[in-house]
Protein backbone atom coordinates (compact mmCIF):
# COMPACT_ATOMS: atom_id res chain seq x y z
CA MET A 1 -45.82 61.40 -75.03
CA GLN A 2 -43.53 59.08 -75.69
CA VAL A 3 -44.33 56.19 -77.68
CA GLU A 4 -42.71 52.51 -78.38
CA LEU A 5 -42.27 50.76 -81.48
CA TYR A 6 -41.68 47.08 -82.24
CA GLY A 7 -41.00 44.70 -85.24
CA VAL A 8 -42.04 46.55 -88.40
CA LEU A 9 -42.82 49.37 -87.13
CA ARG A 10 -39.24 50.31 -85.31
CA GLU A 11 -38.08 49.02 -88.67
CA ALA A 12 -39.94 51.52 -90.65
CA ALA A 13 -39.29 54.57 -88.37
CA GLY A 14 -35.69 53.76 -87.72
CA GLN A 15 -36.01 53.76 -84.07
CA SER A 16 -37.54 52.50 -81.14
CA ARG A 17 -39.17 55.56 -79.86
CA VAL A 18 -40.71 58.72 -80.70
CA GLU A 19 -41.64 61.84 -79.07
CA ILE A 20 -45.40 62.69 -79.91
CA GLY A 21 -46.00 66.78 -78.61
CA LEU A 22 -48.75 65.90 -77.00
CA SER A 23 -49.62 66.12 -73.14
CA GLY A 24 -52.44 64.12 -71.33
CA PRO A 25 -55.31 63.59 -71.03
CA VAL A 26 -55.49 62.69 -74.92
CA ARG A 27 -56.72 59.81 -76.93
CA VAL A 28 -55.01 56.90 -78.04
CA ALA A 29 -56.24 57.72 -81.75
CA GLU A 30 -55.02 61.44 -81.31
CA VAL A 31 -51.54 59.75 -80.38
CA LEU A 32 -51.53 57.66 -83.56
CA GLU A 33 -52.61 60.36 -85.88
CA ALA A 34 -49.85 62.67 -84.58
CA LEU A 35 -47.29 59.86 -84.85
CA THR A 36 -48.60 59.31 -88.61
CA GLU A 37 -47.61 63.07 -89.11
CA SER A 38 -44.26 62.90 -87.46
CA VAL A 39 -43.19 59.34 -89.04
CA PRO A 40 -45.30 58.68 -92.12
CA ALA A 41 -43.65 55.53 -92.80
CA ILE A 42 -45.38 53.92 -90.84
CA ALA A 43 -48.75 54.86 -91.35
CA PRO A 44 -49.97 51.71 -93.17
CA HIS A 45 -49.23 49.19 -90.45
CA LEU A 46 -51.21 51.76 -87.90
CA PRO A 47 -54.61 50.00 -88.46
CA ARG A 48 -53.21 46.38 -87.53
CA VAL A 49 -51.62 47.25 -84.58
CA ALA A 50 -52.33 46.95 -80.98
CA CYS A 51 -52.03 49.25 -78.27
CA ALA A 52 -50.97 48.98 -74.31
CA VAL A 53 -49.79 51.05 -71.64
CA GLY A 54 -47.55 48.66 -68.92
CA ASP A 55 -49.65 45.63 -69.18
CA GLU A 56 -52.74 46.42 -70.14
CA MET A 57 -53.99 46.76 -73.65
CA VAL A 58 -55.67 50.08 -74.31
CA GLY A 59 -58.54 51.00 -77.13
CA ARG A 60 -58.37 53.85 -79.33
CA ASP A 61 -60.91 55.70 -77.70
CA ASP A 62 -59.07 55.20 -74.57
CA GLU A 63 -57.23 58.45 -72.90
CA LEU A 64 -53.73 58.40 -71.75
CA ALA A 65 -52.68 60.39 -69.10
CA GLY A 66 -49.23 60.45 -67.10
CA ASP A 67 -45.99 60.05 -68.32
CA ARG A 68 -46.31 55.95 -69.08
CA PRO A 69 -45.50 55.49 -73.02
CA LEU A 70 -48.14 53.98 -74.95
CA VAL A 71 -46.90 50.72 -76.80
CA LEU A 72 -47.68 49.93 -80.15
CA LEU A 73 -47.23 46.06 -81.11
CA PRO A 74 -47.38 45.12 -84.82
CA PRO A 75 -49.29 41.66 -85.70
CA VAL A 76 -47.03 38.71 -85.43
CA SER A 77 -46.71 36.70 -88.76
CA GLY A 78 -45.27 33.72 -89.92
CA GLY A 79 -45.96 29.74 -88.92
């Protein structure tokens, strides 16, 4: 499963995409847990991220299936 990272997540991971060794169907929470093990530097940011697949927001209990990447969107800050 591919995970796309943006903003501070991309900076912390040093890359914009991460391949996680999970195959569907799996819950978003399981992907985030595997991502934390794979890229520990992003763990502090994960509680505040929004998750999406395509144009749809998904919750942590939602199941993912298929080959579309999970997109992680950090909160926007600034003024």
